[in-house]
Protein backbone atom coordinates (compact mmCIF):
# COMPACT_ATOMS: atom_id res chain seq x y z
CA MET A 1 1.37 -7.50 15.99
CA THR A 2 -2.12 -7.83 14.49
CA GLY A 3 -2.84 -9.86 11.37
CA ALA A 4 -3.49 -6.80 9.19
CA ARG A 5 -0.27 -5.11 10.31
CA ARG A 6 1.76 -8.27 9.72
CA ALA A 7 0.23 -8.61 6.24
CA GLY A 8 1.06 -4.97 5.49
CA SER A 9 4.68 -5.51 6.52
CA ARG A 10 4.95 -8.57 4.28
CA HIS A 11 3.49 -6.63 1.36
CA ARG A 12 5.95 -3.75 1.92
CA GLU A 13 8.89 -6.18 1.86
CA ARG A 14 7.64 -7.76 -1.38
CA ARG A 15 7.41 -4.31 -3.03
CA ARG A 16 10.94 -3.47 -1.89
CA SER A 17 12.32 -6.62 -3.47
CA LEU A 18 10.73 -5.68 -6.81
CA LEU A 19 12.27 -2.21 -6.94
CA ARG A 20 16.04 -2.16 -7.01
CA ARG A 21 18.13 0.87 -6.22
CA ALA A 22 19.93 2.57 -9.06
CA ARG A 23 21.71 5.87 -9.48
CA SER A 24 19.14 7.93 -11.31
CA LYS A 25 17.18 11.11 -10.83
CA ARG A 26 13.86 9.30 -10.70
CA VAL A 27 12.00 8.62 -7.48
CA ILE A 28 9.08 6.22 -7.22
CA THR A 29 7.01 6.61 -4.06
CA LEU A 30 4.74 3.89 -2.72
CA ALA A 31 2.98 5.31 0.33
CA ASN A 32 0.39 3.56 2.49
CA GLN A 33 -2.31 5.80 3.94
CA SER A 34 -5.68 4.60 5.26
CA ASP A 35 -5.25 1.17 3.61
CA PHE A 36 -4.68 2.70 0.16
CA ILE A 37 -1.31 2.42 -1.56
CA SER A 38 -0.50 5.60 -3.48
CA PHE A 39 1.95 5.46 -6.38
CA ARG A 40 3.79 8.64 -7.41
CA HIS A 41 6.61 9.16 -9.92
CA HIS A 42 8.96 12.14 -9.41
CA VAL A 43 12.18 13.50 -10.89
CA PHE A 44 14.50 15.40 -8.57
CA GLU A 45 16.99 18.14 -9.29
CA LYS A 46 19.65 19.77 -7.13
CA PRO A 47 19.59 23.41 -8.34
CA ARG A 48 21.81 24.89 -5.60
CA GLY A 49 24.05 22.01 -4.64
CA ALA A 50 23.58 18.89 -2.55
CA LYS A 51 21.61 20.57 0.23
CA SER A 52 18.66 21.75 -1.87
CA VAL A 53 16.42 19.33 -3.74
CA GLU A 54 13.38 20.05 -5.92
CA LEU A 55 10.87 17.37 -6.85
CA LYS A 56 8.73 17.47 -10.00
CA GLU A 57 5.90 15.00 -10.43
CA VAL A 58 6.09 13.52 -13.91
CA GLY A 59 3.35 10.88 -13.69
CA PRO A 60 1.84 8.32 -13.78
CA ARG A 61 -0.17 8.58 -10.56
CA PHE A 62 -2.61 6.06 -9.14
CA GLU A 63 -3.95 4.56 -5.93
CA MET A 64 -4.67 0.94 -5.23
CA ARG A 65 -6.15 -1.05 -2.40
CA LEU A 66 -4.76 -4.40 -1.35
CA PHE A 67 -7.34 -7.08 -2.02
CA GLN A 68 -5.69 -10.37 -1.10
CA ILE A 69 -2.34 -11.87 -0.10
CA LYS A 70 -1.78 -15.51 -1.04
CA LEU A 71 1.03 -17.73 0.15
CA GLY A 72 2.97 -19.20 -2.74
CA THR A 73 3.47 -18.12 -6.34
CA MET A 74 1.11 -16.89 -9.05
CA GLU A 75 1.23 -20.26 -10.81
CA GLN A 76 -0.21 -22.16 -7.84
CA GLN A 77 -3.98 -22.40 -8.24
CA GLU A 78 -4.65 -23.79 -4.75
CA ALA A 79 -2.46 -21.34 -2.81
CA GLU A 80 -3.57 -20.62 0.75
CA SER A 81 -4.92 -17.13 1.34
CA GLU A 82 -3.03 -15.32 4.13
CA TRP A 83 -5.19 -12.18 4.18
CA SER A 84 -8.29 -10.96 2.32
CA LEU A 85 -10.12 -7.66 2.27
CA ARG A 86 -13.48 -7.95 3.99
CA PRO A 87 -15.04 -4.49 3.91
CA TYR A 88 -18.18 -5.49 5.84
CA MET A 89 -16.43 -7.15 8.78
CA ARG A 90 -17.73 -6.40 12.27
CA SER A 91 -20.94 -4.81 11.03
CA GLY A 92 -22.92 -6.37 13.91
CA LYS A 93 -21.57 -3.85 16.41
CA LYS A 94 -22.49 -0.97 14.12
CA ALA A 95 -26.02 -2.36 13.69
CA LYS A 96 -26.45 -2.51 17.47
CA LEU A 97 -25.25 1.07 17.85
CA SER A 98 -27.53 2.42 15.12
CA SER A 99 -30.59 0.56 16.48
CA ALA A 100 -29.86 1.87 20.00
CA ALA A 101 -29.64 5.42 18.65
CA LYS A 102 -33.03 5.08 16.93
CA ALA A 103 -34.75 3.84 20.10
């Protein structure tokens, strides 16, 4: 398993521990797509029995991008960083490809 995938799995488990299951008609969706975490809030109804379900989005809605995962708690100032977003990583290969295309 790669480092980014392992970090994503750890983050998913942390989110699960924050949200507890309760018997309600609200559904909170945290979906990961292309390194963005989308947050959606829905209410569901069963208009024709248990086999049919309708979802209505009630808000709020936002997207976030994971910036950094630190080992430890929020109070620890010197906590070790497990993963950090580096958007310009591996740009050397792209520079070689673009210079070869220009030549």
